[in-house]
């Protein structure tokens, strides 16, 4: 099934929006940082925001798209533990918030597949 020519730009937009959100509302991201990671959660929040912005720029540029999209797929796998942490921590929250935290878990799969598809299509098929 052919991907939309806009698919890389949509992925870049999603990554950019997430990256900006890490700086605009860092507190909500701090709460998802697994406690096993060293250092303050805010450092991980800002660090992952920088990574998302860099990935967005890389995916948006045809020349770096393939590598950046592969890196984005790996990033989506890498942040999965934060989503698990959020689901565990939010067990006592109201039902809609618990449902949102649980819904994030399976959403990582289409994100990984999307990024892999963008990488596969590479720069030749913007």
PDB file of N, CA and C in Angstrom:
ATOM      1  N   UNK A   1       0.851  -1.177   0.000  1.00  0.00           N
ATOM      2  CA  UNK A   1       0.000   0.000   0.000  1.00  0.00           C
ATOM      3  C   UNK A   1       0.897   1.241   0.000  1.00  0.00           C
ATOM      4  N   UNK A   2       0.755   2.127  -0.995  1.00  0.00           N
ATOM      5  CA  UNK A   2       1.611   3.312  -1.047  1.00  0.00           C
ATOM      6  C   UNK A   2       1.261   4.291   0.060  1.00  0.00           C
ATOM      7  N   UNK A   3       2.285   4.909   0.587  1.00  0.00           N
ATOM      8  CA  UNK A   3       2.102   5.908   1.640  1.00  0.00           C
ATOM      9  C   UNK A   3       1.839   7.256   1.000  1.00  0.00           C
ATOM     10  N   UNK A   4       1.170   8.095   1.731  1.00  0.00           N
ATOM     11  CA  UNK A   4       0.924   9.457   1.282  1.00  0.00           C
ATOM     12  C   UNK A   4       2.243  10.203   1.177  1.00  0.00           C
ATOM     13  N   UNK A   5       2.389  11.059   0.159  1.00  0.00           N
ATOM     14  CA  UNK A   5       3.614  11.863   0.089  1.00  0.00           C
ATOM     15  C   UNK A   5       3.751  12.782   1.302  1.00  0.00           C
ATOM     16  N   UNK A   6       2.651  13.033   1.990  1.00  0.00           N
ATOM     17  CA  UNK A   6       2.688  13.884   3.187  1.00  0.00           C
ATOM     18  C   UNK A   6       3.080  13.118   4.430  1.00  0.00           C
ATOM     19  N   UNK A   7       3.136  11.798   4.353  1.00  0.00           N
ATOM     20  CA  UNK A   7       3.407  10.989   5.529  1.00  0.00           C
ATOM     21  C   UNK A   7       4.665  11.410   6.283  1.00  0.00           C
ATOM     22  N   UNK A   8       5.798  11.655   5.596  1.00  0.00           N
ATOM     23  CA  UNK A   8       6.984  12.089   6.348  1.00  0.00           C
ATOM     24  C   UNK A   8       6.778  13.439   7.038  1.00  0.00           C
ATOM     25  N   UNK A   9       6.093  14.340   6.363  1.00  0.00           N
ATOM     26  CA  UNK A   9       5.878  15.659   6.973  1.00  0.00           C
ATOM     27  C   UNK A   9       4.901  15.579   8.133  1.00  0.00           C
ATOM     28  N   UNK A  10       3.935  14.696   8.039  1.00  0.00           N
ATOM     29  CA  UNK A  10       3.012  14.509   9.162  1.00  0.00           C
ATOM     30  C   UNK A  10       3.745  13.906  10.360  1.00  0.00           C
ATOM     31  N   UNK A  11       4.623  12.934  10.100  1.00  0.00           N
ATOM     32  CA  UNK A  11       5.418  12.352  11.178  1.00  0.00           C
ATOM     33  C   UNK A  11       6.334  13.415  11.791  1.00  0.00           C
ATOM     34  N   UNK A  12       6.958  14.216  10.941  1.00  0.00           N
ATOM     35  CA  UNK A  12       7.820  15.296  11.440  1.00  0.00           C
ATOM     36  C   UNK A  12       7.004  16.274  12.285  1.00  0.00           C
ATOM     37  N   UNK A  13       5.797  16.584  11.855  1.00  0.00           N
ATOM     38  CA  UNK A  13       4.929  17.488  12.623  1.00  0.00           C
ATOM     39  C   UNK A  13       4.555  16.919  13.976  1.00  0.00           C
ATOM     40  N   UNK A  14       4.251  15.626  14.008  1.00  0.00           N
ATOM     41  CA  UNK A  14       3.919  14.973  15.278  1.00  0.00           C
ATOM     42  C   UNK A  14       5.117  15.023  16.226  1.00  0.00           C
ATOM     43  N   UNK A  15       6.290  14.701  15.709  1.00  0.00           N
ATOM     44  CA  UNK A  15       7.498  14.741  16.538  1.00  0.00           C
ATOM     45  C   UNK A  15       7.789  16.154  17.027  1.00  0.00           C
ATOM     46  N   UNK A  16       7.632  17.134  16.145  1.00  0.00           N
ATOM     47  CA  UNK A  16       7.888  18.530  16.534  1.00  0.00           C
ATOM     48  C   UNK A  16       6.900  18.981  17.607  1.00  0.00           C
ATOM     49  N   UNK A  17       5.630  18.646  17.425  1.00  0.00           N
ATOM     50  CA  UNK A  17       4.623  19.036  18.418  1.00  0.00           C
ATOM     51  C   UNK A  17       4.926  18.400  19.778  1.00  0.00           C
ATOM     52  N   UNK A  18       5.307  17.128  19.767  1.00  0.00           N
ATOM     53  CA  UNK A  18       5.645  16.453  21.018  1.00  0.00           C
ATOM     54  C   UNK A  18       6.886  17.090  21.648  1.00  0.00           C
ATOM     55  N   UNK A  19       7.874  17.409  20.820  1.00  0.00           N
ATOM     56  CA  UNK A  19       9.086  18.043  21.334  1.00  0.00           C
ATOM     57  C   UNK A  19       8.805  19.380  21.983  1.00  0.00           C
ATOM     58  N   UNK A  20       8.000  20.190  21.334  1.00  0.00           N
ATOM     59  CA  UNK A  20       7.629  21.502  21.888  1.00  0.00           C
ATOM     60  C   UNK A  20       6.857  21.321  23.194  1.00  0.00           C
ATOM     61  N   UNK A  21       5.964  20.333  23.221  1.00  0.00           N
ATOM     62  CA  UNK A  21       5.166  20.091  24.433  1.00  0.00           C
ATOM     63  C   UNK A  21       6.054  19.757  25.634  1.00  0.00           C
ATOM     64  N   UNK A  22       7.183  19.091  25.392  1.00  0.00           N
ATOM     65  CA  UNK A  22       8.090  18.763  26.495  1.00  0.00           C
ATOM     66  C   UNK A  22       8.637  20.023  27.171  1.00  0.00           C
ATOM     67  N   UNK A  23       8.718  21.103  26.428  1.00  0.00           N
ATOM     68  CA  UNK A  23       9.201  22.371  26.998  1.00  0.00           C
ATOM     69  C   UNK A  23       8.042  23.249  27.482  1.00  0.00           C
ATOM     70  N   UNK A  24       6.897  23.159  26.815  1.00  0.00           N
ATOM     71  CA  UNK A  24       5.749  23.999  27.174  1.00  0.00           C
ATOM     72  C   UNK A  24       5.064  23.510  28.453  1.00  0.00           C
ATOM     73  N   UNK A  25       4.943  22.209  28.609  1.00  0.00           N
ATOM     74  CA  UNK A  25       4.290  21.626  29.800  1.00  0.00           C
ATOM     75  C   UNK A  25       5.131  20.459  30.321  1.00  0.00           C
ATOM     76  N   UNK A  26       6.333  20.751  30.814  1.00  0.00           N
ATOM     77  CA  UNK A  26       7.237  19.666  31.203  1.00  0.00           C
ATOM     78  C   UNK A  26       6.762  18.827  32.384  1.00  0.00           C
ATOM     79  N   UNK A  27       5.959  19.397  33.235  1.00  0.00           N
ATOM     80  CA  UNK A  27       5.540  18.686  34.442  1.00  0.00           C
ATOM     81  C   UNK A  27       4.839  17.373  34.137  1.00  0.00           C
ATOM     82  N   UNK A  28       3.966  17.389  33.128  1.00  0.00           N
ATOM     83  CA  UNK A  28       3.241  16.155  32.797  1.00  0.00           C
ATOM     84  C   UNK A  28       4.190  15.082  32.280  1.00  0.00           C
ATOM     85  N   UNK A  29       5.271  15.476  31.620  1.00  0.00           N
ATOM     86  CA  UNK A  29       6.245  14.504  31.133  1.00  0.00           C
ATOM     87  C   UNK A  29       7.160  14.024  32.254  1.00  0.00           C
ATOM     88  N   UNK A  30       7.477  14.920  33.176  1.00  0.00           N
ATOM     89  CA  UNK A  30       8.310  14.538  34.324  1.00  0.00           C
ATOM     90  C   UNK A  30       7.699  13.334  35.048  1.00  0.00           C
ATOM     91  N   UNK A  31       6.387  13.341  35.145  1.00  0.00           N
ATOM     92  CA  UNK A  31       5.687  12.283  35.886  1.00  0.00           C
ATOM     93  C   UNK A  31       5.795  10.926  35.210  1.00  0.00           C
ATOM     94  N   UNK A  32       6.159  10.897  33.927  1.00  0.00           N
ATOM     95  CA  UNK A  32       6.236   9.614  33.222  1.00  0.00           C
ATOM     96  C   UNK A  32       7.648   9.056  33.164  1.00  0.00           C
ATOM     97  N   UNK A  33       8.619   9.802  33.637  1.00  0.00           N
ATOM     98  CA  UNK A  33      10.010   9.337  33.586  1.00  0.00           C
ATOM     99  C   UNK A  33      10.167   8.184  34.576  1.00  0.00           C
ATOM    100  N   UNK A  34      10.613   7.019  34.094  1.00  0.00           N
ATOM    101  CA  UNK A  34      10.793   5.890  35.014  1.00  0.00           C
ATOM    102  C   UNK A  34      11.766   6.243  36.139  1.00  0.00           C
ATOM    103  N   UNK A  35      11.394   5.875  37.341  1.00  0.00           N
ATOM    104  CA  UNK A  35      12.208   6.204  38.521  1.00  0.00           C
ATOM    105  C   UNK A  35      13.578   5.535  38.486  1.00  0.00           C
ATOM    106  N   UNK A  36      13.731   4.486  37.713  1.00  0.00           N
ATOM    107  CA  UNK A  36      15.011   3.775  37.645  1.00  0.00           C
ATOM    108  C   UNK A  36      16.079   4.587  36.906  1.00  0.00           C
ATOM    109  N   UNK A  37      15.671   5.604  36.146  1.00  0.00           N
ATOM    110  CA  UNK A  37      16.648   6.408  35.415  1.00  0.00           C
ATOM    111  C   UNK A  37      17.365   7.360  36.369  1.00  0.00           C
ATOM    112  N   UNK A  38      18.675   7.528  36.177  1.00  0.00           N
ATOM    113  CA  UNK A  38      19.420   8.424  37.069  1.00  0.00           C
ATOM    114  C   UNK A  38      19.127   9.890  36.765  1.00  0.00           C
ATOM    115  N   UNK A  39      19.303  10.724  37.760  1.00  0.00           N
ATOM    116  CA  UNK A  39      19.146  12.161  37.571  1.00  0.00           C
ATOM    117  C   UNK A  39      17.708  12.615  37.704  1.00  0.00           C
ATOM    118  N   UNK A  40      17.531  13.941  37.625  1.00  0.00           N
ATOM    119  CA  UNK A  40      16.188  14.498  37.783  1.00  0.00           C
ATOM    120  C   UNK A  40      15.308  14.233  36.560  1.00  0.00           C
ATOM    121  N   UNK A  41      14.031  13.973  36.777  1.00  0.00           N
ATOM    122  CA  UNK A  41      13.112  13.741  35.659  1.00  0.00           C
ATOM    123  C   UNK A  41      13.093  14.888  34.648  1.00  0.00           C
ATOM    124  N   UNK A  42      13.239  16.124  35.114  1.00  0.00           N
ATOM    125  CA  UNK A  42      13.172  17.272  34.195  1.00  0.00           C
ATOM    126  C   UNK A  42      14.278  17.202  33.137  1.00  0.00           C
ATOM    127  N   UNK A  43      15.440  16.702  33.522  1.00  0.00           N
ATOM    128  CA  UNK A  43      16.531  16.557  32.550  1.00  0.00           C
ATOM    129  C   UNK A  43      16.140  15.567  31.450  1.00  0.00           C
ATOM    130  N   UNK A  44      15.475  14.483  31.822  1.00  0.00           N
ATOM    131  CA  UNK A  44      15.019  13.503  30.841  1.00  0.00           C
ATOM    132  C   UNK A  44      13.898  14.082  29.987  1.00  0.00           C
ATOM    133  N   UNK A  45      13.030  14.881  30.608  1.00  0.00           N
ATOM    134  CA  UNK A  45      11.946  15.520  29.856  1.00  0.00           C
ATOM    135  C   UNK A  45      12.512  16.446  28.793  1.00  0.00           C
ATOM    136  N   UNK A  46      13.415  17.310  29.188  1.00  0.00           N
ATOM    137  CA  UNK A  46      14.009  18.237  28.220  1.00  0.00           C
ATOM    138  C   UNK A  46      14.856  17.491  27.185  1.00  0.00           C
ATOM    139  N   UNK A  47      15.593  16.499  27.642  1.00  0.00           N
ATOM    140  CA  UNK A  47      16.420  15.727  26.714  1.00  0.00           C
ATOM    141  C   UNK A  47      15.595  15.034  25.652  1.00  0.00           C
ATOM    142  N   UNK A  48      14.488  14.424  26.057  1.00  0.00           N
ATOM    143  CA  UNK A  48      13.644  13.743  25.065  1.00  0.00           C
ATOM    144  C   UNK A  48      12.955  14.757  24.157  1.00  0.00           C
ATOM    145  N   UNK A  49      12.657  15.944  24.680  1.00  0.00           N
ATOM    146  CA  UNK A  49      12.096  16.994  23.834  1.00  0.00           C
ATOM    147  C   UNK A  49      13.075  17.427  22.755  1.00  0.00           C
ATOM    148  N   UNK A  50      14.341  17.565  23.130  1.00  0.00           N
ATOM    149  CA  UNK A  50      15.380  17.924  22.157  1.00  0.00           C
ATOM    150  C   UNK A  50      15.506  16.827  21.101  1.00  0.00           C
ATOM    151  N   UNK A  51      15.495  15.579  21.546  1.00  0.00           N
ATOM    152  CA  UNK A  51      15.595  14.462  20.605  1.00  0.00           C
ATOM    153  C   UNK A  51      14.421  14.483  19.628  1.00  0.00           C
ATOM    154  N   UNK A  52      13.213  14.705  20.134  1.00  0.00           N
ATOM    155  CA  UNK A  52      12.046  14.739  19.246  1.00  0.00           C
ATOM    156  C   UNK A  52      12.146  15.877  18.237  1.00  0.00           C
ATOM    157  N   UNK A  53      12.621  17.027  18.664  1.00  0.00           N
ATOM    158  CA  UNK A  53      12.785  18.148  17.727  1.00  0.00           C
ATOM    159  C   UNK A  53      13.846  17.829  16.674  1.00  0.00           C
ATOM    160  N   UNK A  54      14.932  17.208  17.082  1.00  0.00           N
ATOM    161  CA  UNK A  54      15.978  16.823  16.128  1.00  0.00           C
ATOM    162  C   UNK A  54      15.460  15.768  15.149  1.00  0.00           C
ATOM    163  N   UNK A  55      14.717  14.805  15.658  1.00  0.00           N
ATOM    164  CA  UNK A  55      14.134  13.792  14.777  1.00  0.00           C
ATOM    165  C   UNK A  55      13.152  14.420  13.798  1.00  0.00           C
ATOM    166  N   UNK A  56      12.366  15.371  14.271  1.00  0.00           N
ATOM    167  CA  UNK A  56      11.412  16.061  13.392  1.00  0.00           C
ATOM    168  C   UNK A  56      12.145  16.740  12.240  1.00  0.00           C
ATOM    169  N   UNK A  57      13.216  17.444  12.566  1.00  0.00           N
ATOM    170  CA  UNK A  57      13.996  18.122  11.529  1.00  0.00           C
ATOM    171  C   UNK A  57      14.591  17.113  10.556  1.00  0.00           C
ATOM    172  N   UNK A  58      15.101  16.008  11.086  1.00  0.00           N
ATOM    173  CA  UNK A  58      15.696  14.986  10.229  1.00  0.00           C
ATOM    174  C   UNK A  58      14.696  14.304   9.318  1.00  0.00           C
ATOM    175  N   UNK A  59      13.504  14.022   9.835  1.00  0.00           N
ATOM    176  CA  UNK A  59      12.465  13.375   9.029  1.00  0.00           C
ATOM    177  C   UNK A  59      11.939  14.347   7.975  1.00  0.00           C
ATOM    178  N   UNK A  60      11.873  15.617   8.296  1.00  0.00           N
ATOM    179  CA  UNK A  60      11.348  16.613   7.352  1.00  0.00           C
ATOM    180  C   UNK A  60      12.281  16.815   6.162  1.00  0.00           C
ATOM    181  N   UNK A  61      13.563  16.639   6.362  1.00  0.00           N
ATOM    182  CA  UNK A  61      14.538  16.875   5.290  1.00  0.00           C
ATOM    183  C   UNK A  61      14.750  15.594   4.482  1.00  0.00           C
ATOM    184  N   UNK A  62      14.482  15.620   3.184  1.00  0.00           N
ATOM    185  CA  UNK A  62      14.635  14.405   2.367  1.00  0.00           C
ATOM    186  C   UNK A  62      16.020  13.761   2.469  1.00  0.00           C
ATOM    187  N   UNK A  63      17.038  14.551   2.597  1.00  0.00           N
ATOM    188  CA  UNK A  63      18.402  14.027   2.622  1.00  0.00           C
ATOM    189  C   UNK A  63      18.680  13.160   3.857  1.00  0.00           C
ATOM    190  N   UNK A  64      18.060  13.496   4.981  1.00  0.00           N
ATOM    191  CA  UNK A  64      18.303  12.761   6.235  1.00  0.00           C
ATOM    192  C   UNK A  64      17.106  11.909   6.654  1.00  0.00           C
ATOM    193  N   UNK A  65      16.094  11.881   5.829  1.00  0.00           N
ATOM    194  CA  UNK A  65      14.815  11.246   6.203  1.00  0.00           C
ATOM    195  C   UNK A  65      14.966   9.780   6.593  1.00  0.00           C
ATOM    196  N   UNK A  66      15.650   8.994   5.794  1.00  0.00           N
ATOM    197  CA  UNK A  66      15.725   7.557   6.065  1.00  0.00           C
ATOM    198  C   UNK A  66      16.356   7.285   7.423  1.00  0.00           C
ATOM    199  N   UNK A  67      17.505   7.880   7.672  1.00  0.00           N
ATOM    200  CA  UNK A  67      18.190   7.670   8.946  1.00  0.00           C
ATOM    201  C   UNK A  67      17.364   8.201  10.116  1.00  0.00           C
ATOM    202  N   UNK A  68      16.803   9.393   9.958  1.00  0.00           N
ATOM    203  CA  UNK A  68      16.014   9.994  11.044  1.00  0.00           C
ATOM    204  C   UNK A  68      14.751   9.190  11.325  1.00  0.00           C
ATOM    205  N   UNK A  69      14.127   8.660  10.289  1.00  0.00           N
ATOM    206  CA  UNK A  69      12.918   7.861  10.501  1.00  0.00           C
ATOM    207  C   UNK A  69      13.252   6.556  11.214  1.00  0.00           C
ATOM    208  N   UNK A  70      14.391   5.949  10.882  1.00  0.00           N
ATOM    209  CA  UNK A  70      14.824   4.750  11.616  1.00  0.00           C
ATOM    210  C   UNK A  70      15.089   5.100  13.078  1.00  0.00           C
ATOM    211  N   UNK A  71      15.729   6.235  13.290  1.00  0.00           N
ATOM    212  CA  UNK A  71      15.996   6.680  14.661  1.00  0.00           C
ATOM    213  C   UNK A  71      14.683   6.972  15.400  1.00  0.00           C
ATOM    214  N   UNK A  72      13.708   7.524  14.695  1.00  0.00           N
ATOM    215  CA  UNK A  72      12.405   7.797  15.316  1.00  0.00           C
ATOM    216  C   UNK A  72      11.726   6.497  15.736  1.00  0.00           C
ATOM    217  N   UNK A  73      11.802   5.472  14.883  1.00  0.00           N
ATOM    218  CA  UNK A  73      11.224   4.174  15.247  1.00  0.00           C
ATOM    219  C   UNK A  73      11.889   3.643  16.512  1.00  0.00           C
ATOM    220  N   UNK A  74      13.214   3.747  16.582  1.00  0.00           N
ATOM    221  CA  UNK A  74      13.934   3.299  17.778  1.00  0.00           C
ATOM    222  C   UNK A  74      13.548   4.141  18.990  1.00  0.00           C
ATOM    223  N   UNK A  75      13.385   5.431  18.783  1.00  0.00           N
ATOM    224  CA  UNK A  75      12.985   6.327  19.877  1.00  0.00           C
ATOM    225  C   UNK A  75      11.612   5.926  20.422  1.00  0.00           C
ATOM    226  N   UNK A  76      10.673   5.639  19.523  1.00  0.00           N
ATOM    227  CA  UNK A  76       9.329   5.235  19.961  1.00  0.00           C
ATOM    228  C   UNK A  76       9.385   3.954  20.789  1.00  0.00           C
ATOM    229  N   UNK A  77      10.265   3.046  20.431  1.00  0.00           N
ATOM    230  CA  UNK A  77      10.449   1.829  21.229  1.00  0.00           C
ATOM    231  C   UNK A  77      11.080   2.204  22.574  1.00  0.00           C
ATOM    232  N   UNK A  78      12.053   3.101  22.531  1.00  0.00           N
ATOM    233  CA  UNK A  78      12.778   3.478  23.738  1.00  0.00           C
ATOM    234  C   UNK A  78      11.949   4.202  24.780  1.00  0.00           C
ATOM    235  N   UNK A  79      10.941   4.950  24.355  1.00  0.00           N
ATOM    236  CA  UNK A  79      10.124   5.679  25.333  1.00  0.00           C
ATOM    237  C   UNK A  79       8.956   4.838  25.856  1.00  0.00           C
ATOM    238  N   UNK A  80       8.820   3.631  25.342  1.00  0.00           N
ATOM    239  CA  UNK A  80       7.734   2.767  25.810  1.00  0.00           C
ATOM    240  C   UNK A  80       7.749   2.578  27.326  1.00  0.00           C
ATOM    241  N   UNK A  81       8.924   2.400  27.963  1.00  0.00           N
ATOM    242  CA  UNK A  81       8.911   2.262  29.432  1.00  0.00           C
ATOM    243  C   UNK A  81       8.278   3.460  30.147  1.00  0.00           C
ATOM    244  N   UNK A  82       8.407   4.659  29.585  1.00  0.00           N
ATOM    245  CA  UNK A  82       7.760   5.824  30.199  1.00  0.00           C
ATOM    246  C   UNK A  82       6.242   5.681  30.133  1.00  0.00           C
ATOM    247  N   UNK A  83       5.744   5.145  29.040  1.00  0.00           N
ATOM    248  CA  UNK A  83       4.296   4.933  28.928  1.00  0.00           C
ATOM    249  C   UNK A  83       3.817   3.861  29.907  1.00  0.00           C
ATOM    250  N   UNK A  84       4.623   2.834  30.094  1.00  0.00           N
ATOM    251  CA  UNK A  84       4.292   1.802  31.084  1.00  0.00           C
ATOM    252  C   UNK A  84       4.293   2.419  32.480  1.00  0.00           C
ATOM    253  N   UNK A  85       5.310   3.233  32.778  1.00  0.00           N
ATOM    254  CA  UNK A  85       5.385   3.894  34.082  1.00  0.00           C
ATOM    255  C   UNK A  85       4.144   4.747  34.324  1.00  0.00           C
ATOM    256  N   UNK A  86       3.732   5.464  33.301  1.00  0.00           N
ATOM    257  CA  UNK A  86       2.547   6.307  33.421  1.00  0.00           C
ATOM    258  C   UNK A  86       1.305   5.450  33.718  1.00  0.00           C
ATOM    259  N   UNK A  87       1.149   4.344  33.019  1.00  0.00           N
ATOM    260  CA  UNK A  87      -0.011   3.471  33.243  1.00  0.00           C
ATOM    261  C   UNK A  87      -0.008   2.929  34.668  1.00  0.00           C
ATOM    262  N   UNK A  88       1.166   2.565  35.171  1.00  0.00           N
ATOM    263  CA  UNK A  88       1.269   2.051  36.544  1.00  0.00           C
ATOM    264  C   UNK A  88       0.956   3.156  37.549  1.00  0.00           C
ATOM    265  N   UNK A  89       1.562   4.314  37.352  1.00  0.00           N
ATOM    266  CA  UNK A  89       1.379   5.414  38.297  1.00  0.00           C
ATOM    267  C   UNK A  89      -0.038   5.965  38.306  1.00  0.00           C
ATOM    268  N   UNK A  90      -0.722   5.870  37.192  1.00  0.00           N
ATOM    269  CA  UNK A  90      -2.052   6.464  37.086  1.00  0.00           C
ATOM    270  C   UNK A  90      -3.177   5.489  37.436  1.00  0.00           C
ATOM    271  N   UNK A  91      -2.851   4.367  38.035  1.00  0.00           N
ATOM    272  CA  UNK A  91      -3.892   3.398  38.410  1.00  0.00           C
ATOM    273  C   UNK A  91      -4.925   3.988  39.351  1.00  0.00           C
ATOM    274  N   UNK A  92      -4.520   4.933  40.178  1.00  0.00           N
ATOM    275  CA  UNK A  92      -5.444   5.525  41.147  1.00  0.00           C
ATOM    276  C   UNK A  92      -6.142   6.784  40.650  1.00  0.00           C
ATOM    277  N   UNK A  93      -5.898   7.178  39.435  1.00  0.00           N
ATOM    278  CA  UNK A  93      -6.513   8.395  38.890  1.00  0.00           C
ATOM    279  C   UNK A  93      -7.938   8.103  38.415  1.00  0.00           C
ATOM    280  N   UNK A  94      -8.704   9.148  38.127  1.00  0.00           N
ATOM    281  CA  UNK A  94     -10.063   8.936  37.604  1.00  0.00           C
ATOM    282  C   UNK A  94     -10.040   8.094  36.319  1.00  0.00           C
ATOM    283  N   UNK A  95     -11.132   7.400  36.073  1.00  0.00           N
ATOM    284  CA  UNK A  95     -11.226   6.446  34.956  1.00  0.00           C
ATOM    285  C   UNK A  95     -10.785   7.023  33.606  1.00  0.00           C
ATOM    286  N   UNK A  96     -11.187   8.240  33.224  1.00  0.00           N
ATOM    287  CA  UNK A  96     -10.756   8.736  31.907  1.00  0.00           C
ATOM    288  C   UNK A  96      -9.227   8.880  31.802  1.00  0.00           C
ATOM    289  N   UNK A  97      -8.577   9.292  32.888  1.00  0.00           N
ATOM    290  CA  UNK A  97      -7.127   9.424  32.870  1.00  0.00           C
ATOM    291  C   UNK A  97      -6.447   8.055  32.831  1.00  0.00           C
ATOM    292  N   UNK A  98      -6.994   7.106  33.582  1.00  0.00           N
ATOM    293  CA  UNK A  98      -6.454   5.737  33.540  1.00  0.00           C
ATOM    294  C   UNK A  98      -6.573   5.172  32.134  1.00  0.00           C
ATOM    295  N   UNK A  99      -7.737   5.409  31.519  1.00  0.00           N
ATOM    296  CA  UNK A  99      -7.962   4.902  30.157  1.00  0.00           C
ATOM    297  C   UNK A  99      -6.978   5.540  29.174  1.00  0.00           C
ATOM    298  N   UNK A 100      -6.717   6.821  29.315  1.00  0.00           N
ATOM    299  CA  UNK A 100      -5.767   7.502  28.427  1.00  0.00           C
ATOM    300  C   UNK A 100      -4.364   6.928  28.604  1.00  0.00           C
ATOM    301  N   UNK A 101      -3.978   6.682  29.843  1.00  0.00           N
ATOM    302  CA  UNK A 101      -2.643   6.129  30.105  1.00  0.00           C
ATOM    303  C   UNK A 101      -2.516   4.728  29.508  1.00  0.00           C
ATOM    304  N   UNK A 102      -3.556   3.935  29.625  1.00  0.00           N
ATOM    305  CA  UNK A 102      -3.522   2.580  29.062  1.00  0.00           C
ATOM    306  C   UNK A 102      -3.575   2.609  27.541  1.00  0.00           C
ATOM    307  N   UNK A 103      -4.312   3.567  26.982  1.00  0.00           N
ATOM    308  CA  UNK A 103      -4.437   3.660  25.518  1.00  0.00           C
ATOM    309  C   UNK A 103      -3.108   4.011  24.862  1.00  0.00           C
ATOM    310  N   UNK A 104      -2.248   4.696  25.586  1.00  0.00           N
ATOM    311  CA  UNK A 104      -0.937   5.060  25.023  1.00  0.00           C
ATOM    312  C   UNK A 104      -0.083   3.836  24.719  1.00  0.00           C
ATOM    313  N   UNK A 105      -0.271   2.765  25.477  1.00  0.00           N
ATOM    314  CA  UNK A 105       0.594   1.593  25.323  1.00  0.00           C
ATOM    315  C   UNK A 105       0.505   0.992  23.915  1.00  0.00           C
ATOM    316  N   UNK A 106      -0.663   0.618  23.436  1.00  0.00           N
ATOM    317  CA  UNK A 106      -0.710   0.033  22.083  1.00  0.00           C
ATOM    318  C   UNK A 106      -0.476   1.053  20.969  1.00  0.00           C
ATOM    319  N   UNK A 107      -0.588   2.344  21.270  1.00  0.00           N
ATOM    320  CA  UNK A 107      -0.369   3.359  20.232  1.00  0.00           C
ATOM    321  C   UNK A 107       1.092   3.433  19.794  1.00  0.00           C
ATOM    322  N   UNK A 108       2.001   2.902  20.608  1.00  0.00           N
ATOM    323  CA  UNK A 108       3.407   2.909  20.204  1.00  0.00           C
ATOM    324  C   UNK A 108       3.623   2.045  18.964  1.00  0.00           C
ATOM    325  N   UNK A 109       2.853   0.984  18.823  1.00  0.00           N
ATOM    326  CA  UNK A 109       3.038   0.077  17.682  1.00  0.00           C
ATOM    327  C   UNK A 109       2.818   0.802  16.354  1.00  0.00           C
ATOM    328  N   UNK A 110       1.690   1.484  16.139  1.00  0.00           N
ATOM    329  CA  UNK A 110       1.542   2.180  14.857  1.00  0.00           C
ATOM    330  C   UNK A 110       2.567   3.284  14.645  1.00  0.00           C
ATOM    331  N   UNK A 111       3.030   3.912  15.727  1.00  0.00           N
ATOM    332  CA  UNK A 111       4.062   4.937  15.581  1.00  0.00           C
ATOM    333  C   UNK A 111       5.367   4.323  15.063  1.00  0.00           C
ATOM    334  N   UNK A 112       5.738   3.193  15.629  1.00  0.00           N
ATOM    335  CA  UNK A 112       6.953   2.502  15.179  1.00  0.00           C
ATOM    336  C   UNK A 112       6.796   2.083  13.714  1.00  0.00           C
ATOM    337  N   UNK A 113       5.654   1.509  13.371  1.00  0.00           N
ATOM    338  CA  UNK A 113       5.418   1.056  11.997  1.00  0.00           C
ATOM    339  C   UNK A 113       5.399   2.232  11.023  1.00  0.00           C
ATOM    340  N   UNK A 114       4.823   3.338  11.434  1.00  0.00           N
ATOM    341  CA  UNK A 114       4.776   4.538  10.595  1.00  0.00           C
ATOM    342  C   UNK A 114       6.196   5.037  10.304  1.00  0.00           C
ATOM    343  N   UNK A 115       6.996   5.145  11.357  1.00  0.00           N
ATOM    344  CA  UNK A 115       8.374   5.616  11.187  1.00  0.00           C
ATOM    345  C   UNK A 115       9.167   4.648  10.309  1.00  0.00           C
ATOM    346  N   UNK A 116       8.979   3.363  10.496  1.00  0.00           N
ATOM    347  CA  UNK A 116       9.670   2.378   9.647  1.00  0.00           C
ATOM    348  C   UNK A 116       9.237   2.512   8.193  1.00  0.00           C
ATOM    349  N   UNK A 117       7.942   2.769   7.974  1.00  0.00           N
ATOM    350  CA  UNK A 117       7.451   2.953   6.607  1.00  0.00           C
ATOM    351  C   UNK A 117       8.052   4.183   5.958  1.00  0.00           C
ATOM    352  N   UNK A 118       8.173   5.258   6.704  1.00  0.00           N
ATOM    353  CA  UNK A 118       8.798   6.478   6.188  1.00  0.00           C
ATOM    354  C   UNK A 118      10.262   6.188   5.854  1.00  0.00           C
ATOM    355  N   UNK A 119      10.947   5.457   6.713  1.00  0.00           N
ATOM    356  CA  UNK A 119      12.347   5.104   6.462  1.00  0.00           C
ATOM    357  C   UNK A 119      12.470   4.249   5.206  1.00  0.00           C
ATOM    358  N   UNK A 120      11.563   3.320   5.045  1.00  0.00           N
ATOM    359  CA  UNK A 120      11.595   2.434   3.890  1.00  0.00           C
ATOM    360  C   UNK A 120      11.387   3.198   2.589  1.00  0.00           C
ATOM    361  N   UNK A 121      10.510   4.187   2.622  1.00  0.00           N
ATOM    362  CA  UNK A 121      10.231   4.970   1.425  1.00  0.00           C
ATOM    363  C   UNK A 121      11.348   5.969   1.136  1.00  0.00           C
ATOM    364  N   UNK A 122      12.085   6.343   2.166  1.00  0.00           N
ATOM    365  CA  UNK A 122      13.269   7.174   2.029  1.00  0.00           C
ATOM    366  C   UNK A 122      13.065   8.508   1.338  1.00  0.00           C
ATOM    367  N   UNK A 123      14.186   9.074   0.943  1.00  0.00           N
ATOM    368  CA  UNK A 123      14.182  10.421   0.369  1.00  0.00           C
ATOM    369  C   UNK A 123      13.661  10.452  -1.045  1.00  0.00           C
ATOM    370  N   UNK A 124      13.692   9.336  -1.724  1.00  0.00           N
ATOM    371  CA  UNK A 124      13.245   9.325  -3.113  1.00  0.00           C
ATOM    372  C   UNK A 124      11.758   9.503  -3.272  1.00  0.00           C
ATOM    373  N   UNK A 125      11.022   9.239  -2.218  1.00  0.00           N
ATOM    374  CA  UNK A 125       9.551   9.334  -2.308  1.00  0.00           C
ATOM    375  C   UNK A 125       9.007  10.271  -1.264  1.00  0.00           C
ATOM    376  N   UNK A 126       9.691  11.353  -1.022  1.00  0.00           N
ATOM    377  CA  UNK A 126       9.328  12.333  -0.002  1.00  0.00           C
ATOM    378  C   UNK A 126       7.984  12.045   0.573  1.00  0.00           C
TER     379      UNK A 126
END
